[in-house]
Amino acid sequence: MTKTCLECNEKIIGREDKKFCSDGCRNAYNNKINKDSTNFMRNINNKLRKNYRILSEINVEGKSKTTRAKLLSKGFDFEFFTNILETKTGNTYFFVYDQGYRVLEDDYYMLVKKEI
């Protein structure tokens, strides 16, 4: 039985478990299935990536403090985050993947990095 490439339908030569004829076809296939399907999704993912970059840039040590003004000046959008964590002590952290922040007093924010 001959197998054909999932991307270009060419005959596959080589190992029995191969799915693609070349790295180029494998990359093209995966790019096609993983692309953002709508502008709405693309825009949200771009905002999440930007927020993540900003938090990572400021929070180099894994735990730090910053101001709301500094986050806003870099283009941070507080409406976009991936999850919320409420601690037993009642503190609420907003996370963008593994980078998080918690509101403090006087427009200050505690930045943290979740250990994975």
Protein backbone atom coordinates (compact mmCIF):
# COMPACT_ATOMS: atom_id res chain seq x y z
CA MET A 1 0.00 0.00 0.00
CA THR A 2 1.43 3.38 -0.97
CA LYS A 3 0.91 6.40 1.20
CA THR A 4 0.47 9.92 -0.08
CA CYS A 5 1.52 13.24 1.44
CA LEU A 6 -1.25 14.96 3.42
CA GLU A 7 -0.33 18.29 1.83
CA CYS A 8 0.49 17.67 -1.85
CA ASN A 9 -0.74 14.08 -2.36
CA GLU A 10 2.64 12.97 -3.77
CA LYS A 11 3.82 9.43 -3.09
CA ILE A 12 5.75 9.11 0.19
CA ILE A 13 9.03 7.22 0.15
CA GLY A 14 10.68 6.18 3.40
CA ARG A 15 9.49 5.20 6.83
CA GLU A 16 6.11 3.56 7.18
CA ASP A 17 4.79 6.18 9.62
CA LYS A 18 5.70 9.24 7.50
CA LYS A 19 2.80 11.56 6.70
CA PHE A 20 4.56 14.12 4.51
CA CYS A 21 6.96 13.93 1.59
CA SER A 22 9.12 16.82 2.85
CA ASP A 23 9.61 19.31 5.67
CA GLY A 24 8.14 21.99 3.42
CA CYS A 25 4.88 20.07 3.03
CA ARG A 26 4.77 19.33 6.78
CA ASN A 27 5.22 23.03 7.57
CA ALA A 28 2.66 24.15 4.98
CA TYR A 29 0.09 21.65 6.27
CA ASN A 30 0.58 22.63 9.93
CA ASN A 31 0.53 26.34 9.13
CA LYS A 32 -2.76 25.85 7.29
CA ILE A 33 -4.50 24.02 10.14
CA ASN A 34 -3.09 26.27 12.91
CA LYS A 35 -3.75 29.67 11.34
CA ASP A 36 -6.30 31.97 12.94
CA SER A 37 -9.53 31.37 11.07
CA THR A 38 -11.01 34.88 11.42
CA ASN A 39 -9.82 38.45 11.84
CA PHE A 40 -11.56 38.48 15.24
CA MET A 41 -9.44 35.56 16.48
CA ARG A 42 -6.28 37.02 14.95
CA ASN A 43 -6.87 40.39 16.66
CA ILE A 44 -7.48 38.82 20.06
CA ASN A 45 -4.42 36.59 19.76
CA ASN A 46 -2.32 39.63 18.77
CA LYS A 47 -3.53 41.54 21.86
CA LEU A 48 -2.77 38.57 24.12
CA ARG A 49 0.74 38.25 22.62
CA LYS A 50 1.35 41.98 23.08
CA ASN A 51 0.18 41.86 26.71
CA TYR A 52 2.42 38.83 27.31
CA ARG A 53 5.46 40.58 25.79
CA ILE A 54 4.88 43.66 27.96
CA LEU A 55 4.54 41.66 31.19
CA SER A 56 7.60 39.54 30.33
CA GLU A 57 9.66 42.63 29.53
CA ILE A 58 8.81 44.34 32.84
CA ASN A 59 8.78 41.21 35.03
CA VAL A 60 12.26 39.84 34.30
CA GLU A 61 12.88 38.57 37.84
CA GLY A 62 9.61 36.61 38.12
CA LYS A 63 8.14 38.96 40.73
CA SER A 64 8.09 42.74 40.53
CA LYS A 65 5.99 45.86 40.97
CA THR A 66 4.96 48.48 38.41
CA THR A 67 2.41 51.21 37.84
CA ARG A 68 -0.71 51.24 35.74
CA ALA A 69 0.68 54.21 33.82
CA LYS A 70 3.81 52.27 32.81
CA LEU A 71 1.74 49.31 31.57
CA LEU A 72 -0.59 51.63 29.61
CA SER A 73 2.33 53.58 28.12
CA LYS A 74 3.67 50.34 26.63
CA GLY A 75 0.24 49.53 25.14
CA PHE A 76 -1.04 47.00 27.71
CA ASP A 77 -4.78 46.27 27.37
CA PHE A 78 -6.34 45.25 30.69
CA GLU A 79 -9.37 43.70 28.95
CA PHE A 80 -7.33 40.81 27.52
CA PHE A 81 -6.05 37.99 29.71
CA THR A 82 -6.23 34.19 29.61
CA ASN A 83 -7.38 33.29 33.12
CA ILE A 84 -8.11 34.54 36.64
CA LEU A 85 -6.74 33.03 39.83
CA GLU A 86 -8.31 33.76 43.21
CA THR A 87 -6.13 32.82 46.17
CA LYS A 88 -7.29 31.53 49.56
CA THR A 89 -6.45 34.94 51.02
CA GLY A 90 -8.86 36.63 48.60
CA ASN A 91 -6.33 38.13 46.19
CA THR A 92 -7.25 38.09 42.51
CA TYR A 93 -4.55 37.58 39.88
CA PHE A 94 -5.12 38.06 36.16
CA PHE A 95 -2.88 35.92 33.94
CA VAL A 96 -1.74 36.09 30.35
CA TYR A 97 -0.48 32.52 30.04
CA ASP A 98 2.15 32.25 32.82
CA GLN A 99 2.62 36.00 33.40
CA GLY A 100 0.21 37.49 35.93
CA TYR A 101 -0.64 40.68 37.74
CA ARG A 102 -2.59 41.74 40.80
CA VAL A 103 -4.02 45.18 41.54
CA LEU A 104 -2.43 46.91 44.54
CA GLU A 105 -3.17 50.30 46.08
CA ASP A 106 -2.46 53.65 44.42
CA ASP A 107 -2.47 52.32 40.83
CA TYR A 108 0.37 49.87 41.48
CA TYR A 109 0.44 46.31 40.22
CA MET A 110 2.25 43.23 41.51
CA LEU A 111 3.63 41.21 38.60
CA VAL A 112 4.27 37.48 39.04
CA LYS A 113 5.31 34.53 36.93
CA LYS A 114 3.58 31.21 37.48
CA GLU A 115 6.01 28.35 37.89
CA ILE A 116 5.12 25.63 35.43
